[in-house]
Amino acid sequence: MVDYALIAMMILPILACVVLKVLFTPQSEGVAIAGALVFWKSTAELTPTTFYISESQVNTWAVMISILGLCLYLTHGLTTKAMCKRQLVAEWIVEKSEKLVKDNMGGFFAQWGPFITAIMALSAFSSLICLVGLFSPTGDVNVTFGWAILVFFLIMYFKFRGGFWKYFIGLFKPIPVFAPMNLIGEFATPVSMAFRHYGNILSGAVIAALIGSALTGLSNSLLGWLPGVFAQMPLLRVGLPAVLSVYFDVFSGVMQAFIFAMLTMLNIAGGVPWEDWNARRVKHNKPALTND
């Protein structure tokens, strides 16, 4: 019964989003390329500023609940020795994530496996829900920018471990005239991470929609001479959009999740000033740290 409940926890949130999609999507003719649907908007009587509950937010929460259900399902009934395939899958995920983090961030960040895996899972599943007709939260720059800001705070936290004054002086190296460019470079990191992820996912969705519309028009032109309902059948849309979806939706979505996680690992690990941090630790009678 617990397994059935966890499976329902994975599926029902996505089904609920599909129902909301059907109920709130307005009727349109031809190509309709729009952003996330707005389910609720606050009024001036309720809040001083306007707040929105959009499809991006709802779908993100649905994906997180589904991922939580998947994690609980894979780890339910663990034993010392793996007796079922799902425990083997869970152990494989843990081993691969820990190896990925250690290879790219070093031994000091060995415990960051769950965080990096969560980033990849959330990003990948948020992109893949478009396969069931839902809006991908990664196609909304507000979502990816929120993730990038979180990563930016983590990067700055470790950069300040060597001391704020050391970090401030580093902005003027190698010569003081480079200080504005170095400062812009710091803030460019989250912006580039957010727009790279968002741009690739959104462009794939737009291209897929345009190709689908073009195939529909071409099908109507070539088959318009057929009698009755046969003239309106979009036969050319059968098969080809599915093949293109393998790249634009599946491959691109998974690849962008991996790239975002890699940039997160490299930027955080690469921003740690080990020499300055250890100098401060020695000054306070603390042992030096290594990243082995």
C-alpha atoms as a PDB file:
ATOM      1  CA  MET A   1       0.000   0.000   0.000  1.00  0.00           C
ATOM      2  CA  VAL A   2       2.879   2.357   0.725  1.00  0.00           C
ATOM      3  CA  ASP A   3       4.351   1.668  -2.695  1.00  0.00           C
ATOM      4  CA  TYR A   4       1.022   2.385  -4.375  1.00  0.00           C
ATOM      5  CA  ALA A   5       0.701   5.633  -2.422  1.00  0.00           C
ATOM      6  CA  LEU A   6       4.200   6.724  -3.477  1.00  0.00           C
ATOM      7  CA  ILE A   7       3.482   5.874  -7.124  1.00  0.00           C
ATOM      8  CA  ALA A   8       0.335   7.988  -6.887  1.00  0.00           C
ATOM      9  CA  MET A   9       2.448  10.766  -5.374  1.00  0.00           C
ATOM     10  CA  MET A  10       4.608  10.693  -8.518  1.00  0.00           C
ATOM     11  CA  ILE A  11       1.737  10.667 -11.003  1.00  0.00           C
ATOM     12  CA  LEU A  12      -1.154  12.664  -9.513  1.00  0.00           C
ATOM     13  CA  PRO A  13       0.607  16.074  -9.360  1.00  0.00           C
ATOM     14  CA  ILE A  14       1.398  15.871 -13.078  1.00  0.00           C
ATOM     15  CA  LEU A  15      -2.166  14.804 -13.881  1.00  0.00           C
ATOM     16  CA  ALA A  16      -3.485  17.733 -11.846  1.00  0.00           C
ATOM     17  CA  CYS A  17      -1.317  20.107 -13.891  1.00  0.00           C
ATOM     18  CA  VAL A  18      -2.678  18.577 -17.104  1.00  0.00           C
ATOM     19  CA  VAL A  19      -6.241  19.221 -15.883  1.00  0.00           C
ATOM     20  CA  LEU A  20      -5.390  22.832 -15.028  1.00  0.00           C
ATOM     21  CA  LYS A  21      -3.784  23.210 -18.453  1.00  0.00           C
ATOM     22  CA  VAL A  22      -6.963  22.035 -20.174  1.00  0.00           C
ATOM     23  CA  LEU A  23      -9.246  24.232 -18.066  1.00  0.00           C
ATOM     24  CA  PHE A  24      -7.265  27.473 -18.368  1.00  0.00           C
ATOM     25  CA  THR A  25      -5.913  27.286 -21.930  1.00  0.00           C
ATOM     26  CA  PRO A  26      -7.914  29.654 -24.145  1.00  0.00           C
ATOM     27  CA  GLN A  27      -9.070  28.530 -27.554  1.00  0.00           C
ATOM     28  CA  SER A  28      -6.882  29.687 -30.425  1.00  0.00           C
ATOM     29  CA  GLU A  29      -6.414  29.055 -34.093  1.00  0.00           C
ATOM     30  CA  GLY A  30      -3.097  28.494 -35.817  1.00  0.00           C
ATOM     31  CA  VAL A  31       0.241  28.753 -34.028  1.00  0.00           C
ATOM     32  CA  ALA A  32       0.002  29.854 -30.397  1.00  0.00           C
ATOM     33  CA  ILE A  33       3.397  30.483 -28.829  1.00  0.00           C
ATOM     34  CA  ALA A  34       2.924  32.024 -25.401  1.00  0.00           C
ATOM     35  CA  GLY A  35       4.485  31.949 -21.981  1.00  0.00           C
ATOM     36  CA  ALA A  36       3.169  30.329 -18.844  1.00  0.00           C
ATOM     37  CA  LEU A  37      -0.545  30.550 -18.123  1.00  0.00           C
ATOM     38  CA  VAL A  38      -1.579  32.784 -15.226  1.00  0.00           C
ATOM     39  CA  PHE A  39      -3.932  30.957 -12.853  1.00  0.00           C
ATOM     40  CA  TRP A  40      -4.385  33.767 -10.334  1.00  0.00           C
ATOM     41  CA  LYS A  41      -3.475  37.443 -10.067  1.00  0.00           C
ATOM     42  CA  SER A  42      -3.799  39.508  -6.929  1.00  0.00           C
ATOM     43  CA  THR A  43      -5.699  42.770  -6.937  1.00  0.00           C
ATOM     44  CA  ALA A  44      -4.833  46.115  -5.432  1.00  0.00           C
ATOM     45  CA  GLU A  45      -7.285  45.497  -2.579  1.00  0.00           C
ATOM     46  CA  LEU A  46      -5.366  42.401  -1.466  1.00  0.00           C
ATOM     47  CA  THR A  47      -1.705  43.353  -1.863  1.00  0.00           C
ATOM     48  CA  PRO A  48       0.160  46.616  -2.586  1.00  0.00           C
ATOM     49  CA  THR A  49       1.885  44.979  -5.548  1.00  0.00           C
ATOM     50  CA  THR A  50       0.589  42.472  -8.071  1.00  0.00           C
ATOM     51  CA  PHE A  51       1.403  38.830  -7.408  1.00  0.00           C
ATOM     52  CA  TYR A  52       0.920  36.029  -9.891  1.00  0.00           C
ATOM     53  CA  ILE A  53       0.430  32.300  -9.546  1.00  0.00           C
ATOM     54  CA  SER A  54       1.507  31.020 -12.925  1.00  0.00           C
ATOM     55  CA  GLU A  55       1.909  27.713 -14.675  1.00  0.00           C
ATOM     56  CA  SER A  56       5.661  27.862 -14.019  1.00  0.00           C
ATOM     57  CA  GLN A  57       5.188  27.923 -10.253  1.00  0.00           C
ATOM     58  CA  VAL A  58       2.502  25.243 -10.176  1.00  0.00           C
ATOM     59  CA  ASN A  59       4.403  22.921 -12.502  1.00  0.00           C
ATOM     60  CA  THR A  60       7.611  23.403 -10.511  1.00  0.00           C
ATOM     61  CA  TRP A  61       5.859  22.367  -7.299  1.00  0.00           C
ATOM     62  CA  ALA A  62       4.294  19.410  -9.091  1.00  0.00           C
ATOM     63  CA  VAL A  63       7.713  18.294 -10.327  1.00  0.00           C
ATOM     64  CA  MET A  64       9.215  18.636  -6.843  1.00  0.00           C
ATOM     65  CA  ILE A  65       6.415  16.565  -5.305  1.00  0.00           C
ATOM     66  CA  SER A  66       6.832  13.920  -8.009  1.00  0.00           C
ATOM     67  CA  ILE A  67      10.604  13.791  -7.460  1.00  0.00           C
ATOM     68  CA  LEU A  68      10.037  13.464  -3.714  1.00  0.00           C
ATOM     69  CA  GLY A  69       7.667  10.571  -4.367  1.00  0.00           C
ATOM     70  CA  LEU A  70      10.237   8.953  -6.649  1.00  0.00           C
ATOM     71  CA  CYS A  71      12.970   9.277  -4.011  1.00  0.00           C
ATOM     72  CA  LEU A  72      10.736   7.828  -1.303  1.00  0.00           C
ATOM     73  CA  TYR A  73       9.722   4.985  -3.604  1.00  0.00           C
ATOM     74  CA  LEU A  74      13.332   4.095  -4.468  1.00  0.00           C
ATOM     75  CA  THR A  75      14.415   4.185  -0.822  1.00  0.00           C
ATOM     76  CA  HIS A  76      11.387   2.463   0.707  1.00  0.00           C
ATOM     77  CA  GLY A  77      12.244  -0.811   2.401  1.00  0.00           C
ATOM     78  CA  LEU A  78      16.036  -0.563   2.155  1.00  0.00           C
ATOM     79  CA  THR A  79      18.039  -3.550   3.336  1.00  0.00           C
ATOM     80  CA  THR A  80      21.708  -4.099   4.081  1.00  0.00           C
ATOM     81  CA  LYS A  81      22.025  -6.158   0.932  1.00  0.00           C
ATOM     82  CA  ALA A  82      20.033  -5.041  -2.081  1.00  0.00           C
ATOM     83  CA  MET A  83      17.154  -7.451  -2.627  1.00  0.00           C
ATOM     84  CA  CYS A  84      15.190  -5.526  -5.281  1.00  0.00           C
ATOM     85  CA  LYS A  85      15.950  -3.594  -8.440  1.00  0.00           C
ATOM     86  CA  ARG A  86      14.797  -0.226  -7.143  1.00  0.00           C
ATOM     87  CA  GLN A  87      17.352  -0.344  -4.320  1.00  0.00           C
ATOM     88  CA  LEU A  88      20.021  -1.090  -6.923  1.00  0.00           C
ATOM     89  CA  VAL A  89      18.828   1.943  -8.885  1.00  0.00           C
ATOM     90  CA  ALA A  90      18.964   4.104  -5.749  1.00  0.00           C
ATOM     91  CA  GLU A  91      22.477   2.910  -4.905  1.00  0.00           C
ATOM     92  CA  TRP A  92      23.619   3.501  -8.484  1.00  0.00           C
ATOM     93  CA  ILE A  93      22.293   7.086  -8.390  1.00  0.00           C
ATOM     94  CA  VAL A  94      24.066   7.775  -5.099  1.00  0.00           C
ATOM     95  CA  GLU A  95      27.369   6.314  -6.280  1.00  0.00           C
ATOM     96  CA  LYS A  96      27.332   8.190  -9.588  1.00  0.00           C
ATOM     97  CA  SER A  97      26.376  11.505  -7.997  1.00  0.00           C
ATOM     98  CA  GLU A  98      29.074  11.227  -5.339  1.00  0.00           C
ATOM     99  CA  LYS A  99      31.686  10.353  -7.970  1.00  0.00           C
ATOM    100  CA  LEU A 100      30.581  13.244 -10.189  1.00  0.00           C
ATOM    101  CA  VAL A 101      30.831  15.726  -7.322  1.00  0.00           C
ATOM    102  CA  LYS A 102      34.195  14.453  -6.121  1.00  0.00           C
ATOM    103  CA  ASP A 103      35.697  14.488  -9.617  1.00  0.00           C
ATOM    104  CA  ASN A 104      34.563  18.056 -10.322  1.00  0.00           C
ATOM    105  CA  MET A 105      34.557  19.719  -6.892  1.00  0.00           C
ATOM    106  CA  GLY A 106      37.121  17.779  -4.872  1.00  0.00           C
ATOM    107  CA  GLY A 107      37.006  15.849  -1.631  1.00  0.00           C
ATOM    108  CA  PHE A 108      36.030  18.874   0.483  1.00  0.00           C
ATOM    109  CA  PHE A 109      32.659  19.014  -1.290  1.00  0.00           C
ATOM    110  CA  ALA A 110      32.048  15.268  -1.187  1.00  0.00           C
ATOM    111  CA  GLN A 111      28.827  15.754   0.808  1.00  0.00           C
ATOM    112  CA  TRP A 112      27.313  17.972  -1.880  1.00  0.00           C
ATOM    113  CA  GLY A 113      26.039  15.010  -3.895  1.00  0.00           C
ATOM    114  CA  PRO A 114      22.372  15.391  -2.834  1.00  0.00           C
ATOM    115  CA  PHE A 115      22.346  19.097  -3.686  1.00  0.00           C
ATOM    116  CA  ILE A 116      23.840  18.641  -7.157  1.00  0.00           C
ATOM    117  CA  THR A 117      21.591  15.660  -7.856  1.00  0.00           C
ATOM    118  CA  ALA A 118      18.558  17.700  -6.789  1.00  0.00           C
ATOM    119  CA  ILE A 119      19.531  20.455  -9.229  1.00  0.00           C
ATOM    120  CA  MET A 120      19.900  18.008 -12.109  1.00  0.00           C
ATOM    121  CA  ALA A 121      16.685  16.143 -11.294  1.00  0.00           C
ATOM    122  CA  LEU A 122      14.599  19.300 -10.893  1.00  0.00           C
ATOM    123  CA  SER A 123      15.974  20.809 -14.087  1.00  0.00           C
ATOM    124  CA  ALA A 124      15.648  17.640 -16.171  1.00  0.00           C
ATOM    125  CA  PHE A 125      12.123  16.741 -15.047  1.00  0.00           C
ATOM    126  CA  SER A 126      11.000  20.370 -15.385  1.00  0.00           C
ATOM    127  CA  SER A 127      12.066  20.241 -19.030  1.00  0.00           C
ATOM    128  CA  LEU A 128      10.713  16.757 -19.727  1.00  0.00           C
ATOM    129  CA  ILE A 129       7.140  17.471 -18.582  1.00  0.00           C
ATOM    130  CA  CYS A 130       6.600  19.133 -21.956  1.00  0.00           C
ATOM    131  CA  LEU A 131       6.310  15.566 -23.306  1.00  0.00           C
ATOM    132  CA  VAL A 132       2.841  15.404 -21.717  1.00  0.00           C
ATOM    133  CA  GLY A 133       1.836  18.813 -23.067  1.00  0.00           C
ATOM    134  CA  LEU A 134       2.726  20.904 -20.006  1.00  0.00           C
ATOM    135  CA  PHE A 135       4.683  24.145 -19.964  1.00  0.00           C
ATOM    136  CA  SER A 136       8.311  23.573 -18.964  1.00  0.00           C
ATOM    137  CA  PRO A 137       9.262  25.753 -15.971  1.00  0.00           C
ATOM    138  CA  THR A 138      12.773  25.921 -17.409  1.00  0.00           C
ATOM    139  CA  GLY A 139      11.234  27.823 -20.321  1.00  0.00           C
ATOM    140  CA  ASP A 140      10.525  30.693 -17.888  1.00  0.00           C
ATOM    141  CA  VAL A 141      13.532  32.908 -17.190  1.00  0.00           C
ATOM    142  CA  ASN A 142      12.177  33.733 -13.716  1.00  0.00           C
ATOM    143  CA  VAL A 143      12.607  30.087 -12.689  1.00  0.00           C
ATOM    144  CA  THR A 144      16.123  29.608 -14.056  1.00  0.00           C
ATOM    145  CA  PHE A 145      17.183  33.004 -12.747  1.00  0.00           C
ATOM    146  CA  GLY A 146      15.991  32.023  -9.266  1.00  0.00           C
ATOM    147  CA  TRP A 147      18.161  28.912  -9.412  1.00  0.00           C
ATOM    148  CA  ALA A 148      21.110  30.967 -10.676  1.00  0.00           C
ATOM    149  CA  ILE A 149      20.744  33.482  -7.824  1.00  0.00           C
ATOM    150  CA  LEU A 150      20.881  30.636  -5.294  1.00  0.00           C
ATOM    151  CA  VAL A 151      24.072  29.348  -6.919  1.00  0.00           C
ATOM    152  CA  PHE A 152      25.477  32.908  -6.967  1.00  0.00           C
ATOM    153  CA  PHE A 153      24.975  33.242  -3.194  1.00  0.00           C
ATOM    154  CA  LEU A 154      26.808  29.957  -2.658  1.00  0.00           C
ATOM    155  CA  ILE A 155      29.682  31.100  -4.883  1.00  0.00           C
ATOM    156  CA  MET A 156      30.019  34.401  -3.025  1.00  0.00           C
ATOM    157  CA  TYR A 157      29.811  32.642   0.350  1.00  0.00           C
ATOM    158  CA  PHE A 158      32.882  30.564  -0.429  1.00  0.00           C
ATOM    159  CA  LYS A 159      34.724  33.453  -2.058  1.00  0.00           C
ATOM    160  CA  PHE A 160      34.318  35.445   1.157  1.00  0.00           C
ATOM    161  CA  ARG A 161      35.851  32.608   3.188  1.00  0.00           C
ATOM    162  CA  GLY A 162      39.260  34.122   2.534  1.00  0.00           C
ATOM    163  CA  GLY A 163      38.108  37.449   3.966  1.00  0.00           C
ATOM    164  CA  PHE A 164      36.055  40.256   2.483  1.00  0.00           C
ATOM    165  CA  TRP A 165      39.066  42.560   2.222  1.00  0.00           C
ATOM    166  CA  LYS A 166      41.023  39.937   0.289  1.00  0.00           C
ATOM    167  CA  TYR A 167      38.094  39.527  -2.072  1.00  0.00           C
ATOM    168  CA  PHE A 168      37.770  43.287  -2.531  1.00  0.00           C
ATOM    169  CA  ILE A 169      41.474  43.691  -3.298  1.00  0.00           C
ATOM    170  CA  GLY A 170      41.234  40.819  -5.785  1.00  0.00           C
ATOM    171  CA  LEU A 171      38.797  42.857  -7.889  1.00  0.00           C
ATOM    172  CA  PHE A 172      41.613  45.293  -8.696  1.00  0.00           C
ATOM    173  CA  LYS A 173      43.983  42.634 -10.022  1.00  0.00           C
ATOM    174  CA  PRO A 174      46.019  42.400 -12.181  1.00  0.00           C
ATOM    175  CA  ILE A 175      45.699  46.199 -12.496  1.00  0.00           C
ATOM    176  CA  PRO A 176      43.140  48.582 -10.941  1.00  0.00           C
ATOM    177  CA  VAL A 177      41.628  49.511 -14.313  1.00  0.00           C
ATOM    178  CA  PHE A 178      40.223  45.970 -14.538  1.00  0.00           C
ATOM    179  CA  ALA A 179      38.063  46.443 -11.395  1.00  0.00           C
ATOM    180  CA  PRO A 180      34.826  47.378 -13.257  1.00  0.00           C
ATOM    181  CA  MET A 181      35.209  44.426 -15.629  1.00  0.00           C
ATOM    182  CA  ASN A 182      35.960  42.055 -12.753  1.00  0.00           C
ATOM    183  CA  LEU A 183      32.864  43.282 -10.908  1.00  0.00           C
ATOM    184  CA  ILE A 184      30.692  42.866 -13.986  1.00  0.00           C
ATOM    185  CA  GLY A 185      32.160  39.388 -14.418  1.00  0.00           C
ATOM    186  CA  GLU A 186      30.976  38.414 -10.933  1.00  0.00           C
ATOM    187  CA  PHE A 187      27.361  39.347 -11.680  1.00  0.00           C
ATOM    188  CA  ALA A 188      27.561  37.948 -15.206  1.00  0.00           C
ATOM    189  CA  THR A 189      27.849  34.402 -13.830  1.00  0.00           C
ATOM    190  CA  PRO A 190      24.226  33.987 -12.649  1.00  0.00           C
ATOM    191  CA  VAL A 191      22.902  35.928 -15.655  1.00  0.00           C
ATOM    192  CA  SER A 192      24.707  33.687 -18.140  1.00  0.00           C
ATOM    193  CA  MET A 193      23.667  30.510 -16.307  1.00  0.00           C
ATOM    194  CA  ALA A 194      20.003  31.578 -16.233  1.00  0.00           C
ATOM    195  CA  PHE A 195      19.757  32.746 -19.835  1.00  0.00           C
ATOM    196  CA  ARG A 196      21.719  29.793 -21.238  1.00  0.00           C
ATOM    197  CA  HIS A 197      19.332  27.285 -19.671  1.00  0.00           C
ATOM    198  CA  TYR A 198      16.195  29.294 -20.397  1.00  0.00           C
ATOM    199  CA  GLY A 199      17.190  30.148 -23.967  1.00  0.00           C
ATOM    200  CA  ASN A 200      17.936  26.596 -25.014  1.00  0.00           C
ATOM    201  CA  ILE A 201      14.686  25.188 -23.624  1.00  0.00           C
ATOM    202  CA  LEU A 202      12.507  27.998 -24.962  1.00  0.00           C
ATOM    203  CA  SER A 203      14.095  27.936 -28.407  1.00  0.00           C
ATOM    204  CA  GLY A 204      13.456  24.184 -28.662  1.00  0.00           C
ATOM    205  CA  ALA A 205       9.781  24.685 -27.763  1.00  0.00           C
ATOM    206  CA  VAL A 206       9.375  27.480 -30.301  1.00  0.00           C
ATOM    207  CA  ILE A 207      11.067  25.524 -33.084  1.00  0.00           C
ATOM    208  CA  ALA A 208       8.954  22.439 -32.344  1.00  0.00           C
ATOM    209  CA  ALA A 209       5.738  24.516 -32.453  1.00  0.00           C
ATOM    210  CA  LEU A 210       6.712  26.168 -35.734  1.00  0.00           C
ATOM    211  CA  ILE A 211       7.622  22.842 -37.327  1.00  0.00           C
ATOM    212  CA  GLY A 212       4.328  21.321 -36.200  1.00  0.00           C
ATOM    213  CA  SER A 213       2.369  24.219 -37.656  1.00  0.00           C
ATOM    214  CA  ALA A 214       4.311  24.090 -40.924  1.00  0.00           C
ATOM    215  CA  LEU A 215       3.682  20.357 -41.266  1.00  0.00           C
ATOM    216  CA  THR A 216      -0.036  20.917 -40.661  1.00  0.00           C
ATOM    217  CA  GLY A 217      -0.193  23.544 -43.384  1.00  0.00           C
ATOM    218  CA  LEU A 218       1.807  21.389 -45.773  1.00  0.00           C
ATOM    219  CA  SER A 219      -0.435  18.406 -45.071  1.00  0.00           C
ATOM    220  CA  ASN A 220      -3.566  20.445 -45.786  1.00  0.00           C
ATOM    221  CA  SER A 221      -2.052  21.729 -49.024  1.00  0.00           C
ATOM    222  CA  LEU A 222      -1.049  18.318 -50.308  1.00  0.00           C
ATOM    223  CA  LEU A 223      -4.146  16.435 -49.155  1.00  0.00           C
ATOM    224  CA  GLY A 224      -6.733  19.143 -49.663  1.00  0.00           C
ATOM    225  CA  TRP A 225      -8.107  17.417 -52.735  1.00  0.00           C
ATOM    226  CA  LEU A 226      -9.305  14.452 -50.683  1.00  0.00           C
ATOM    227  CA  PRO A 227     -13.015  14.333 -49.864  1.00  0.00           C
ATOM    228  CA  GLY A 228     -14.533  15.200 -46.493  1.00  0.00           C
ATOM    229  CA  VAL A 229     -12.612  14.844 -43.260  1.00  0.00           C
ATOM    230  CA  PHE A 230      -9.595  13.305 -44.977  1.00  0.00           C
ATOM    231  CA  ALA A 231      -8.618  16.711 -46.353  1.00  0.00           C
ATOM    232  CA  GLN A 232      -8.219  18.068 -42.807  1.00  0.00           C
ATOM    233  CA  MET A 233      -6.135  15.198 -41.420  1.00  0.00           C
ATOM    234  CA  PRO A 234      -2.595  16.387 -40.552  1.00  0.00           C
ATOM    235  CA  LEU A 235      -0.949  13.182 -41.725  1.00  0.00           C
ATOM    236  CA  LEU A 236       2.487  14.775 -42.125  1.00  0.00           C
ATOM    237  CA  ARG A 237       2.549  15.515 -38.400  1.00  0.00           C
ATOM    238  CA  VAL A 238       2.550  11.802 -37.624  1.00  0.00           C
ATOM    239  CA  GLY A 239       6.041  10.616 -36.704  1.00  0.00           C
ATOM    240  CA  LEU A 240       8.317  13.518 -37.637  1.00  0.00           C
ATOM    241  CA  PRO A 241       7.483  15.795 -34.671  1.00  0.00           C
ATOM    242  CA  ALA A 242       8.072  12.835 -32.349  1.00  0.00           C
ATOM    243  CA  VAL A 243      11.523  12.283 -33.845  1.00  0.00           C
ATOM    244  CA  LEU A 244      12.378  15.969 -33.490  1.00  0.00           C
ATOM    245  CA  SER A 245      11.080  15.893 -29.914  1.00  0.00           C
ATOM    246  CA  VAL A 246      13.764  13.349 -29.045  1.00  0.00           C
ATOM    247  CA  TYR A 247      16.328  16.103 -29.556  1.00  0.00           C
ATOM    248  CA  PHE A 248      14.494  19.330 -28.672  1.00  0.00           C
ATOM    249  CA  ASP A 249      12.737  17.950 -25.589  1.00  0.00           C
ATOM    250  CA  VAL A 250      14.563  14.874 -24.307  1.00  0.00           C
ATOM    251  CA  PHE A 251      18.212  15.297 -25.293  1.00  0.00           C
ATOM    252  CA  SER A 252      18.303  19.080 -24.948  1.00  0.00           C
ATOM    253  CA  GLY A 253      16.434  19.064 -21.628  1.00  0.00           C
ATOM    254  CA  VAL A 254      18.692  16.450 -20.042  1.00  0.00           C
ATOM    255  CA  MET A 255      21.830  18.048 -21.487  1.00  0.00           C
ATOM    256  CA  GLN A 256      20.936  21.508 -20.176  1.00  0.00           C
ATOM    257  CA  ALA A 257      20.299  20.040 -16.713  1.00  0.00           C
ATOM    258  CA  PHE A 258      23.745  18.439 -16.771  1.00  0.00           C
ATOM    259  CA  ILE A 259      25.385  21.657 -17.988  1.00  0.00           C
ATOM    260  CA  PHE A 260      23.689  23.744 -15.281  1.00  0.00           C
ATOM    261  CA  ALA A 261      24.847  21.286 -12.610  1.00  0.00           C
ATOM    262  CA  MET A 262      28.397  21.268 -14.032  1.00  0.00           C
ATOM    263  CA  LEU A 263      28.557  25.071 -14.035  1.00  0.00           C
ATOM    264  CA  THR A 264      27.295  25.063 -10.458  1.00  0.00           C
ATOM    265  CA  MET A 265      30.009  22.666  -9.344  1.00  0.00           C
ATOM    266  CA  LEU A 266      32.839  24.363 -11.224  1.00  0.00           C
ATOM    267  CA  ASN A 267      31.899  27.911 -10.177  1.00  0.00           C
ATOM    268  CA  ILE A 268      31.519  27.015  -6.501  1.00  0.00           C
ATOM    269  CA  ALA A 269      34.650  24.881  -6.256  1.00  0.00           C
ATOM    270  CA  GLY A 270      36.679  27.268  -8.408  1.00  0.00           C
ATOM    271  CA  GLY A 271      35.753  30.283  -6.308  1.00  0.00           C
ATOM    272  CA  VAL A 272      37.227  29.018  -3.016  1.00  0.00           C
ATOM    273  CA  PRO A 273      40.421  30.969  -2.077  1.00  0.00           C
ATOM    274  CA  TRP A 274      42.155  28.067  -0.357  1.00  0.00           C
ATOM    275  CA  GLU A 275      45.377  29.919   0.532  1.00  0.00           C
ATOM    276  CA  ASP A 276      43.621  32.917   2.068  1.00  0.00           C
ATOM    277  CA  TRP A 277      41.084  30.710   3.839  1.00  0.00           C
ATOM    278  CA  ASN A 278      43.784  28.503   5.356  1.00  0.00           C
ATOM    279  CA  ALA A 279      45.763  31.575   6.388  1.00  0.00           C
ATOM    280  CA  ARG A 280      42.758  32.801   8.342  1.00  0.00           C
ATOM    281  CA  ARG A 281      42.216  29.372   9.893  1.00  0.00           C
ATOM    282  CA  VAL A 282      45.851  29.116  10.998  1.00  0.00           C
ATOM    283  CA  LYS A 283      45.596  32.607  12.454  1.00  0.00           C
ATOM    284  CA  HIS A 284      42.680  31.417  14.598  1.00  0.00           C
ATOM    285  CA  ASN A 285      44.472  28.189  15.581  1.00  0.00           C
ATOM    286  CA  LYS A 286      42.388  25.963  13.304  1.00  0.00           C
ATOM    287  CA  PRO A 287      43.775  23.197  11.089  1.00  0.00           C
ATOM    288  CA  ALA A 288      44.274  23.926   7.410  1.00  0.00           C
ATOM    289  CA  LEU A 289      41.840  22.496   4.879  1.00  0.00           C
ATOM    290  CA  THR A 290      42.520  20.663   1.633  1.00  0.00           C
ATOM    291  CA  ASN A 291      40.350  19.791  -1.340  1.00  0.00           C
ATOM    292  CA  ASP A 292      41.716  16.272  -1.831  1.00  0.00           C
END
